[in-house]
Amino acid sequence: VACRKSGGIRFTMNGHSYFNLVLITNVGGAGDVVSVSIKGSRTDWQPMSHNWGQNWQSNTCLNGQALSFMIATSDESSLTSNNVAPPNWAFGQTFTGGQF
């Protein structure tokens, strides 16, 4: 049964310059994220690796770039949220993207 969530998917930025740890919450639809890719405004799409819980990591320096995310869930749905975080994003901030 699909889950309806109020508001968009939330992306909380943690880590440091070469270790981006992104907590992904408020995911509707199937609700369980099976893959995440990240794209900086000066990079191509790159897969993130699952760290623990709903934390996903990238070991690329993306500072100073707008960030986009592509999420896939277990029911084979996918969603792309473009330019969720502005170029001046900072660790500890949370941004809201689209919703399933």
PDB file of N, CA and C in Angstrom:
ATOM      1  N   VAL A   1       0.855  -1.182   0.000  1.00  0.00           N
ATOM      2  CA  VAL A   1       0.000   0.000   0.000  1.00  0.00           C
ATOM      3  C   VAL A   1       0.892   1.233   0.000  1.00  0.00           C
ATOM      4  N   ALA A   2       0.654   2.095  -0.949  1.00  0.00           N
ATOM      5  CA  ALA A   2       1.452   3.314  -1.056  1.00  0.00           C
ATOM      6  C   ALA A   2       1.174   4.237   0.117  1.00  0.00           C
ATOM      7  N   CYS A   3       2.201   4.895   0.564  1.00  0.00           N
ATOM      8  CA  CYS A   3       2.101   5.825   1.678  1.00  0.00           C
ATOM      9  C   CYS A   3       2.080   7.253   1.138  1.00  0.00           C
ATOM     10  N   ARG A   4       1.109   8.030   1.595  1.00  0.00           N
ATOM     11  CA  ARG A   4       1.041   9.439   1.195  1.00  0.00           C
ATOM     12  C   ARG A   4       1.685  10.280   2.291  1.00  0.00           C
ATOM     13  N   LYS A   5       2.596  11.142   1.902  1.00  0.00           N
ATOM     14  CA  LYS A   5       3.286  12.015   2.840  1.00  0.00           C
ATOM     15  C   LYS A   5       2.940  13.456   2.523  1.00  0.00           C
ATOM     16  N   SER A   6       2.900  14.263   3.568  1.00  0.00           N
ATOM     17  CA  SER A   6       2.657  15.694   3.401  1.00  0.00           C
ATOM     18  C   SER A   6       3.993  16.393   3.171  1.00  0.00           C
ATOM     19  N   GLY A   7       4.065  17.246   2.164  1.00  0.00           N
ATOM     20  CA  GLY A   7       5.315  17.937   1.867  1.00  0.00           C
ATOM     21  C   GLY A   7       6.231  17.062   1.047  1.00  0.00           C
ATOM     22  N   GLY A   8       7.391  17.583   0.731  1.00  0.00           N
ATOM     23  CA  GLY A   8       8.331  16.868  -0.123  1.00  0.00           C
ATOM     24  C   GLY A   8       9.310  16.008   0.650  1.00  0.00           C
ATOM     25  N   ILE A   9      10.088  15.259  -0.099  1.00  0.00           N
ATOM     26  CA  ILE A   9      11.166  14.462   0.487  1.00  0.00           C
ATOM     27  C   ILE A   9      12.198  15.428   1.054  1.00  0.00           C
ATOM     28  N   ARG A  10      12.726  15.115   2.239  1.00  0.00           N
ATOM     29  CA  ARG A  10      13.698  15.993   2.879  1.00  0.00           C
ATOM     30  C   ARG A  10      15.105  15.396   2.786  1.00  0.00           C
ATOM     31  N   PHE A  11      16.053  16.268   2.488  1.00  0.00           N
ATOM     32  CA  PHE A  11      17.463  15.902   2.349  1.00  0.00           C
ATOM     33  C   PHE A  11      18.246  16.709   3.369  1.00  0.00           C
ATOM     34  N   THR A  12      18.800  16.037   4.391  1.00  0.00           N
ATOM     35  CA  THR A  12      19.596  16.713   5.412  1.00  0.00           C
ATOM     36  C   THR A  12      21.066  16.437   5.130  1.00  0.00           C
ATOM     37  N   MET A  13      21.817  17.513   4.952  1.00  0.00           N
ATOM     38  CA  MET A  13      23.224  17.425   4.578  1.00  0.00           C
ATOM     39  C   MET A  13      24.096  17.334   5.831  1.00  0.00           C
ATOM     40  N   ASN A  14      24.873  16.268   5.903  1.00  0.00           N
ATOM     41  CA  ASN A  14      25.823  16.082   7.001  1.00  0.00           C
ATOM     42  C   ASN A  14      27.174  15.713   6.403  1.00  0.00           C
ATOM     43  N   GLY A  15      28.196  15.652   7.239  1.00  0.00           N
ATOM     44  CA  GLY A  15      29.520  15.253   6.786  1.00  0.00           C
ATOM     45  C   GLY A  15      30.485  16.407   6.710  1.00  0.00           C
ATOM     46  N   HIS A  16      31.371  16.370   5.709  1.00  0.00           N
ATOM     47  CA  HIS A  16      32.346  17.427   5.465  1.00  0.00           C
ATOM     48  C   HIS A  16      32.718  17.392   3.987  1.00  0.00           C
ATOM     49  N   SER A  17      33.639  18.205   3.555  1.00  0.00           N
ATOM     50  CA  SER A  17      33.906  18.434   2.127  1.00  0.00           C
ATOM     51  C   SER A  17      33.964  17.181   1.260  1.00  0.00           C
ATOM     52  N   TYR A  18      34.703  16.157   1.667  1.00  0.00           N
ATOM     53  CA  TYR A  18      34.837  14.961   0.829  1.00  0.00           C
ATOM     54  C   TYR A  18      34.049  13.781   1.373  1.00  0.00           C
ATOM     55  N   PHE A  19      33.086  14.035   2.233  1.00  0.00           N
ATOM     56  CA  PHE A  19      32.225  12.967   2.757  1.00  0.00           C
ATOM     57  C   PHE A  19      30.839  13.568   2.975  1.00  0.00           C
ATOM     58  N   ASN A  20      30.006  13.480   1.945  1.00  0.00           N
ATOM     59  CA  ASN A  20      28.649  14.002   2.025  1.00  0.00           C
ATOM     60  C   ASN A  20      27.733  12.886   2.512  1.00  0.00           C
ATOM     61  N   LEU A  21      27.201  13.035   3.704  1.00  0.00           N
ATOM     62  CA  LEU A  21      26.271  12.063   4.265  1.00  0.00           C
ATOM     63  C   LEU A  21      24.896  12.711   4.258  1.00  0.00           C
ATOM     64  N   VAL A  22      23.983  12.157   3.455  1.00  0.00           N
ATOM     65  CA  VAL A  22      22.668  12.759   3.268  1.00  0.00           C
ATOM     66  C   VAL A  22      21.608  11.859   3.891  1.00  0.00           C
ATOM     67  N   LEU A  23      20.881  12.409   4.856  1.00  0.00           N
ATOM     68  CA  LEU A  23      19.760  11.705   5.479  1.00  0.00           C
ATOM     69  C   LEU A  23      18.517  12.032   4.663  1.00  0.00           C
ATOM     70  N   ILE A  24      17.840  10.993   4.164  1.00  0.00           N
ATOM     71  CA  ILE A  24      16.665  11.167   3.317  1.00  0.00           C
ATOM     72  C   ILE A  24      15.441  10.722   4.100  1.00  0.00           C
ATOM     73  N   THR A  25      14.500  11.654   4.307  1.00  0.00           N
ATOM     74  CA  THR A  25      13.309  11.369   5.112  1.00  0.00           C
ATOM     75  C   THR A  25      12.048  11.840   4.395  1.00  0.00           C
ATOM     76  N   ASN A  26      10.900  11.464   4.963  1.00  0.00           N
ATOM     77  CA  ASN A  26       9.576  11.850   4.478  1.00  0.00           C
ATOM     78  C   ASN A  26       9.341  11.341   3.050  1.00  0.00           C
ATOM     79  N   VAL A  27       9.705  10.085   2.820  1.00  0.00           N
ATOM     80  CA  VAL A  27       9.569   9.477   1.497  1.00  0.00           C
ATOM     81  C   VAL A  27       8.205   8.792   1.403  1.00  0.00           C
ATOM     82  N   GLY A  28       7.389   9.227   0.458  1.00  0.00           N
ATOM     83  CA  GLY A  28       6.071   8.623   0.241  1.00  0.00           C
ATOM     84  C   GLY A  28       6.176   7.417  -0.670  1.00  0.00           C
ATOM     85  N   GLY A  29       5.060   6.987  -1.229  1.00  0.00           N
ATOM     86  CA  GLY A  29       5.029   5.825  -2.115  1.00  0.00           C
ATOM     87  C   GLY A  29       5.371   4.574  -1.343  1.00  0.00           C
ATOM     88  N   ALA A  30       6.262   3.751  -1.883  1.00  0.00           N
ATOM     89  CA  ALA A  30       6.681   2.527  -1.193  1.00  0.00           C
ATOM     90  C   ALA A  30       7.402   2.870   0.105  1.00  0.00           C
ATOM     91  N   GLY A  31       8.075   4.022   0.131  1.00  0.00           N
ATOM     92  CA  GLY A  31       8.721   4.502   1.347  1.00  0.00           C
ATOM     93  C   GLY A  31      10.128   4.001   1.576  1.00  0.00           C
ATOM     94  N   ASP A  32      10.491   2.868   0.972  1.00  0.00           N
ATOM     95  CA  ASP A  32      11.834   2.340   1.208  1.00  0.00           C
ATOM     96  C   ASP A  32      12.730   2.630   0.010  1.00  0.00           C
ATOM     97  N   VAL A  33      13.746   3.410   0.263  1.00  0.00           N
ATOM     98  CA  VAL A  33      14.678   3.853  -0.772  1.00  0.00           C
ATOM     99  C   VAL A  33      15.667   2.727  -1.050  1.00  0.00           C
ATOM    100  N   VAL A  34      15.851   2.395  -2.337  1.00  0.00           N
ATOM    101  CA  VAL A  34      16.792   1.339  -2.699  1.00  0.00           C
ATOM    102  C   VAL A  34      18.025   1.873  -3.426  1.00  0.00           C
ATOM    103  N   SER A  35      17.933   3.081  -3.988  1.00  0.00           N
ATOM    104  CA  SER A  35      19.124   3.679  -4.590  1.00  0.00           C
ATOM    105  C   SER A  35      18.968   5.191  -4.659  1.00  0.00           C
ATOM    106  N   VAL A  36      20.114   5.868  -4.591  1.00  0.00           N
ATOM    107  CA  VAL A  36      20.154   7.337  -4.658  1.00  0.00           C
ATOM    108  C   VAL A  36      21.341   7.731  -5.518  1.00  0.00           C
ATOM    109  N   SER A  37      21.129   8.723  -6.370  1.00  0.00           N
ATOM    110  CA  SER A  37      22.232   9.331  -7.129  1.00  0.00           C
ATOM    111  C   SER A  37      22.220  10.821  -6.838  1.00  0.00           C
ATOM    112  N   ILE A  38      23.390  11.428  -6.919  1.00  0.00           N
ATOM    113  CA  ILE A  38      23.538  12.855  -6.648  1.00  0.00           C
ATOM    114  C   ILE A  38      24.228  13.512  -7.842  1.00  0.00           C
ATOM    115  N   LYS A  39      23.877  14.753  -8.103  1.00  0.00           N
ATOM    116  CA  LYS A  39      24.489  15.505  -9.190  1.00  0.00           C
ATOM    117  C   LYS A  39      24.749  16.921  -8.716  1.00  0.00           C
ATOM    118  N   GLY A  40      25.983  17.349  -8.843  1.00  0.00           N
ATOM    119  CA  GLY A  40      26.315  18.741  -8.594  1.00  0.00           C
ATOM    120  C   GLY A  40      26.127  19.528  -9.880  1.00  0.00           C
ATOM    121  N   SER A  41      26.043  20.831  -9.773  1.00  0.00           N
ATOM    122  CA  SER A  41      25.842  21.664 -10.964  1.00  0.00           C
ATOM    123  C   SER A  41      27.039  21.608 -11.912  1.00  0.00           C
ATOM    124  N   ARG A  42      28.181  21.082 -11.437  1.00  0.00           N
ATOM    125  CA  ARG A  42      29.367  20.949 -12.300  1.00  0.00           C
ATOM    126  C   ARG A  42      29.808  19.490 -12.440  1.00  0.00           C
ATOM    127  N   THR A  43      28.926  18.540 -12.106  1.00  0.00           N
ATOM    128  CA  THR A  43      29.276  17.121 -12.220  1.00  0.00           C
ATOM    129  C   THR A  43      28.155  16.384 -12.951  1.00  0.00           C
ATOM    130  N   ASP A  44      28.442  15.154 -13.313  1.00  0.00           N
ATOM    131  CA  ASP A  44      27.419  14.262 -13.850  1.00  0.00           C
ATOM    132  C   ASP A  44      26.754  13.536 -12.687  1.00  0.00           C
ATOM    133  N   TRP A  45      25.703  12.780 -12.995  1.00  0.00           N
ATOM    134  CA  TRP A  45      25.058  11.958 -11.974  1.00  0.00           C
ATOM    135  C   TRP A  45      26.038  10.910 -11.475  1.00  0.00           C
ATOM    136  N   GLN A  46      26.069  10.681 -10.171  1.00  0.00           N
ATOM    137  CA  GLN A  46      26.903   9.641  -9.598  1.00  0.00           C
ATOM    138  C   GLN A  46      26.134   8.920  -8.507  1.00  0.00           C
ATOM    139  N   PRO A  47      26.256   7.586  -8.451  1.00  0.00           N
ATOM    140  CA  PRO A  47      25.531   6.835  -7.428  1.00  0.00           C
ATOM    141  C   PRO A  47      26.081   7.130  -6.037  1.00  0.00           C
ATOM    142  N   MET A  48      25.185   7.138  -5.070  1.00  0.00           N
ATOM    143  CA  MET A  48      25.592   7.254  -3.670  1.00  0.00           C
ATOM    144  C   MET A  48      25.566   5.852  -3.082  1.00  0.00           C
ATOM    145  N   SER A  49      26.388   5.604  -2.065  1.00  0.00           N
ATOM    146  CA  SER A  49      26.358   4.305  -1.411  1.00  0.00           C
ATOM    147  C   SER A  49      25.549   4.398  -0.124  1.00  0.00           C
ATOM    148  N   HIS A  50      24.880   3.300   0.183  1.00  0.00           N
ATOM    149  CA  HIS A  50      24.060   3.240   1.396  1.00  0.00           C
ATOM    150  C   HIS A  50      24.993   3.146   2.588  1.00  0.00           C
ATOM    151  N   ASN A  51      24.815   4.030   3.555  1.00  0.00           N
ATOM    152  CA  ASN A  51      25.662   4.039   4.744  1.00  0.00           C
ATOM    153  C   ASN A  51      24.974   3.247   5.857  1.00  0.00           C
ATOM    154  N   TRP A  52      23.895   3.774   6.400  1.00  0.00           N
ATOM    155  CA  TRP A  52      23.088   3.078   7.410  1.00  0.00           C
ATOM    156  C   TRP A  52      21.749   3.783   7.498  1.00  0.00           C
ATOM    157  N   GLY A  53      20.719   3.059   7.916  1.00  0.00           N
ATOM    158  CA  GLY A  53      19.386   3.660   8.003  1.00  0.00           C
ATOM    159  C   GLY A  53      19.022   4.269   6.660  1.00  0.00           C
ATOM    160  N   GLN A  54      18.604   5.518   6.657  1.00  0.00           N
ATOM    161  CA  GLN A  54      18.326   6.219   5.402  1.00  0.00           C
ATOM    162  C   GLN A  54      19.398   7.273   5.122  1.00  0.00           C
ATOM    163  N   ASN A  55      20.623   6.970   5.534  1.00  0.00           N
ATOM    164  CA  ASN A  55      21.776   7.821   5.241  1.00  0.00           C
ATOM    165  C   ASN A  55      22.503   7.271   4.020  1.00  0.00           C
ATOM    166  N   TRP A  56      22.749   8.156   3.077  1.00  0.00           N
ATOM    167  CA  TRP A  56      23.441   7.801   1.837  1.00  0.00           C
ATOM    168  C   TRP A  56      24.664   8.697   1.704  1.00  0.00           C
ATOM    169  N   GLN A  57      25.765   8.160   1.179  1.00  0.00           N
ATOM    170  CA  GLN A  57      27.005   8.922   1.159  1.00  0.00           C
ATOM    171  C   GLN A  57      27.616   9.039  -0.232  1.00  0.00           C
ATOM    172  N   SER A  58      28.338  10.146  -0.397  1.00  0.00           N
ATOM    173  CA  SER A  58      29.125  10.416  -1.594  1.00  0.00           C
ATOM    174  C   SER A  58      30.485  10.915  -1.122  1.00  0.00           C
ATOM    175  N   ASN A  59      31.538  10.459  -1.780  1.00  0.00           N
ATOM    176  CA  ASN A  59      32.888  10.873  -1.398  1.00  0.00           C
ATOM    177  C   ASN A  59      33.473  11.867  -2.393  1.00  0.00           C
ATOM    178  N   THR A  60      32.614  12.686  -2.965  1.00  0.00           N
ATOM    179  CA  THR A  60      33.020  13.700  -3.939  1.00  0.00           C
ATOM    180  C   THR A  60      32.839  15.084  -3.328  1.00  0.00           C
ATOM    181  N   CYS A  61      33.776  15.974  -3.555  1.00  0.00           N
ATOM    182  CA  CYS A  61      33.625  17.346  -3.068  1.00  0.00           C
ATOM    183  C   CYS A  61      32.607  18.068  -3.945  1.00  0.00           C
ATOM    184  N   LEU A  62      31.463  18.408  -3.360  1.00  0.00           N
ATOM    185  CA  LEU A  62      30.387  19.084  -4.084  1.00  0.00           C
ATOM    186  C   LEU A  62      30.118  20.478  -3.526  1.00  0.00           C
ATOM    187  N   ASN A  63      31.033  20.983  -2.718  1.00  0.00           N
ATOM    188  CA  ASN A  63      30.870  22.324  -2.144  1.00  0.00           C
ATOM    189  C   ASN A  63      30.735  23.361  -3.253  1.00  0.00           C
ATOM    190  N   GLY A  64      29.871  24.345  -3.041  1.00  0.00           N
ATOM    191  CA  GLY A  64      29.696  25.432  -3.993  1.00  0.00           C
ATOM    192  C   GLY A  64      28.890  25.067  -5.227  1.00  0.00           C
ATOM    193  N   GLN A  65      28.250  23.895  -5.210  1.00  0.00           N
ATOM    194  CA  GLN A  65      27.442  23.463  -6.340  1.00  0.00           C
ATOM    195  C   GLN A  65      25.993  23.263  -5.913  1.00  0.00           C
ATOM    196  N   ALA A  66      25.056  23.601  -6.781  1.00  0.00           N
ATOM    197  CA  ALA A  66      23.661  23.243  -6.549  1.00  0.00           C
ATOM    198  C   ALA A  66      23.568  21.723  -6.649  1.00  0.00           C
ATOM    199  N   LEU A  67      22.733  21.106  -5.801  1.00  0.00           N
ATOM    200  CA  LEU A  67      22.649  19.653  -5.758  1.00  0.00           C
ATOM    201  C   LEU A  67      21.280  19.151  -6.185  1.00  0.00           C
ATOM    202  N   SER A  68      21.296  18.096  -6.984  1.00  0.00           N
ATOM    203  CA  SER A  68      20.085  17.405  -7.418  1.00  0.00           C
ATOM    204  C   SER A  68      20.178  15.957  -6.962  1.00  0.00           C
ATOM    205  N   PHE A  69      19.020  15.333  -6.722  1.00  0.00           N
ATOM    206  CA  PHE A  69      18.980  13.948  -6.258  1.00  0.00           C
ATOM    207  C   PHE A  69      18.015  13.137  -7.109  1.00  0.00           C
ATOM    208  N   MET A  70      18.375  11.891  -7.367  1.00  0.00           N
ATOM    209  CA  MET A  70      17.510  10.934  -8.039  1.00  0.00           C
ATOM    210  C   MET A  70      17.337   9.757  -7.085  1.00  0.00           C
ATOM    211  N   ILE A  71      16.083   9.443  -6.751  1.00  0.00           N
ATOM    212  CA  ILE A  71      15.779   8.406  -5.772  1.00  0.00           C
ATOM    213  C   ILE A  71      14.948   7.313  -6.433  1.00  0.00           C
ATOM    214  N   ALA A  72      15.254   6.048  -6.124  1.00  0.00           N
ATOM    215  CA  ALA A  72      14.437   4.923  -6.561  1.00  0.00           C
ATOM    216  C   ALA A  72      13.965   4.163  -5.329  1.00  0.00           C
ATOM    217  N   THR A  73      12.729   3.688  -5.364  1.00  0.00           N
ATOM    218  CA  THR A  73      12.164   2.929  -4.246  1.00  0.00           C
ATOM    219  C   THR A  73      11.902   1.479  -4.673  1.00  0.00           C
ATOM    220  N   SER A  74      11.564   0.625  -3.721  1.00  0.00           N
ATOM    221  CA  SER A  74      11.427  -0.810  -3.969  1.00  0.00           C
ATOM    222  C   SER A  74      10.304  -1.160  -4.939  1.00  0.00           C
ATOM    223  N   ASP A  75       9.355  -0.251  -5.159  1.00  0.00           N
ATOM    224  CA  ASP A  75       8.284  -0.547  -6.120  1.00  0.00           C
ATOM    225  C   ASP A  75       8.668  -0.092  -7.536  1.00  0.00           C
ATOM    226  N   GLU A  76       9.972   0.172  -7.739  1.00  0.00           N
ATOM    227  CA  GLU A  76      10.547   0.559  -9.028  1.00  0.00           C
ATOM    228  C   GLU A  76      10.120   1.949  -9.495  1.00  0.00           C
ATOM    229  N   SER A  77       9.626   2.761  -8.575  1.00  0.00           N
ATOM    230  CA  SER A  77       9.346   4.161  -8.888  1.00  0.00           C
ATOM    231  C   SER A  77      10.633   4.955  -8.731  1.00  0.00           C
ATOM    232  N   SER A  78      10.759   6.021  -9.505  1.00  0.00           N
ATOM    233  CA  SER A  78      11.920   6.896  -9.338  1.00  0.00           C
ATOM    234  C   SER A  78      11.460   8.341  -9.419  1.00  0.00           C
ATOM    235  N   LEU A  79      12.212   9.196  -8.781  1.00  0.00           N
ATOM    236  CA  LEU A  79      11.880  10.610  -8.708  1.00  0.00           C
ATOM    237  C   LEU A  79      13.176  11.405  -8.751  1.00  0.00           C
ATOM    238  N   THR A  80      13.197  12.431  -9.574  1.00  0.00           N
ATOM    239  CA  THR A  80      14.346  13.331  -9.642  1.00  0.00           C
ATOM    240  C   THR A  80      13.950  14.687  -9.088  1.00  0.00           C
ATOM    241  N   SER A  81      14.723  15.175  -8.151  1.00  0.00           N
ATOM    242  CA  SER A  81      14.528  16.515  -7.580  1.00  0.00           C
ATOM    243  C   SER A  81      15.728  17.350  -7.995  1.00  0.00           C
ATOM    244  N   ASN A  82      15.508  18.247  -8.949  1.00  0.00           N
ATOM    245  CA  ASN A  82      16.598  19.062  -9.481  1.00  0.00           C
ATOM    246  C   ASN A  82      16.850  20.312  -8.644  1.00  0.00           C
ATOM    247  N   ASN A  83      18.127  20.618  -8.461  1.00  0.00           N
ATOM    248  CA  ASN A  83      18.557  21.842  -7.769  1.00  0.00           C
ATOM    249  C   ASN A  83      17.857  22.032  -6.429  1.00  0.00           C
ATOM    250  N   VAL A  84      17.804  20.949  -5.651  1.00  0.00           N
ATOM    251  CA  VAL A  84      17.172  20.983  -4.329  1.00  0.00           C
ATOM    252  C   VAL A  84      17.943  21.909  -3.388  1.00  0.00           C
ATOM    253  N   ALA A  85      19.257  21.756  -3.391  1.00  0.00           N
ATOM    254  CA  ALA A  85      20.103  22.586  -2.525  1.00  0.00           C
ATOM    255  C   ALA A  85      20.793  23.636  -3.399  1.00  0.00           C
ATOM    256  N   PRO A  86      20.783  24.897  -2.970  1.00  0.00           N
ATOM    257  CA  PRO A  86      21.438  25.954  -3.754  1.00  0.00           C
ATOM    258  C   PRO A  86      22.956  25.844  -3.650  1.00  0.00           C
ATOM    259  N   PRO A  87      23.704  26.559  -4.476  1.00  0.00           N
ATOM    260  CA  PRO A  87      25.169  26.471  -4.439  1.00  0.00           C
ATOM    261  C   PRO A  87      25.779  26.832  -3.085  1.00  0.00           C
ATOM    262  N   ASN A  88      25.097  27.616  -2.285  1.00  0.00           N
ATOM    263  CA  ASN A  88      25.652  28.027  -0.978  1.00  0.00           C
ATOM    264  C   ASN A  88      25.147  27.153   0.166  1.00  0.00           C
ATOM    265  N   TRP A  89      24.714  25.913  -0.110  1.00  0.00           N
ATOM    266  CA  TRP A  89      24.245  25.017   0.948  1.00  0.00           C
ATOM    267  C   TRP A  89      25.372  24.779   1.961  1.00  0.00           C
ATOM    268  N   ALA A  90      24.971  24.381   3.162  1.00  0.00           N
ATOM    269  CA  ALA A  90      25.949  24.110   4.221  1.00  0.00           C
ATOM    270  C   ALA A  90      25.564  22.828   4.949  1.00  0.00           C
ATOM    271  N   PHE A  91      26.547  22.173   5.531  1.00  0.00           N
ATOM    272  CA  PHE A  91      26.280  20.974   6.316  1.00  0.00           C
ATOM    273  C   PHE A  91      25.387  21.335   7.498  1.00  0.00           C
ATOM    274  N   GLY A  92      24.438  20.463   7.800  1.00  0.00           N
ATOM    275  CA  GLY A  92      23.485  20.704   8.868  1.00  0.00           C
ATOM    276  C   GLY A  92      22.160  21.256   8.360  1.00  0.00           C
ATOM    277  N   GLN A  93      22.113  21.701   7.112  1.00  0.00           N
ATOM    278  CA  GLN A  93      20.870  22.236   6.545  1.00  0.00           C
ATOM    279  C   GLN A  93      20.023  21.114   5.956  1.00  0.00           C
ATOM    280  N   THR A  94      18.694  21.347   5.903  1.00  0.00           N
ATOM    281  CA  THR A  94      17.753  20.407   5.304  1.00  0.00           C
ATOM    282  C   THR A  94      17.028  21.105   4.165  1.00  0.00           C
ATOM    283  N   PHE A  95      16.877  20.394   3.052  1.00  0.00           N
ATOM    284  CA  PHE A  95      16.212  20.927   1.870  1.00  0.00           C
ATOM    285  C   PHE A  95      15.092  19.991   1.468  1.00  0.00           C
ATOM    286  N   THR A  96      14.077  20.522   0.808  1.00  0.00           N
ATOM    287  CA  THR A  96      12.898  19.746   0.425  1.00  0.00           C
ATOM    288  C   THR A  96      12.809  19.617  -1.082  1.00  0.00           C
ATOM    289  N   GLY A  97      12.587  18.372  -1.547  1.00  0.00           N
ATOM    290  CA  GLY A  97      12.443  18.115  -2.968  1.00  0.00           C
ATOM    291  C   GLY A  97      11.035  17.686  -3.301  1.00  0.00           C
ATOM    292  N   GLY A  98      10.882  16.988  -4.421  1.00  0.00           N
ATOM    293  CA  GLY A  98       9.578  16.494  -4.861  1.00  0.00           C
ATOM    294  C   GLY A  98       9.095  15.352  -3.978  1.00  0.00           C
ATOM    295  N   GLN A  99       7.942  14.773  -4.337  1.00  0.00           N
ATOM    296  CA  GLN A  99       7.356  13.694  -3.546  1.00  0.00           C
ATOM    297  C   GLN A  99       6.747  12.655  -4.476  1.00  0.00           C
ATOM    298  N   PHE A 100       6.774  11.403  -4.060  1.00  0.00           N
ATOM    299  CA  PHE A 100       6.149  10.325  -4.832  1.00  0.00           C
ATOM    300  C   PHE A 100       4.641  10.443  -4.752  1.00  0.00           C
TER     301      PHE A 100
END
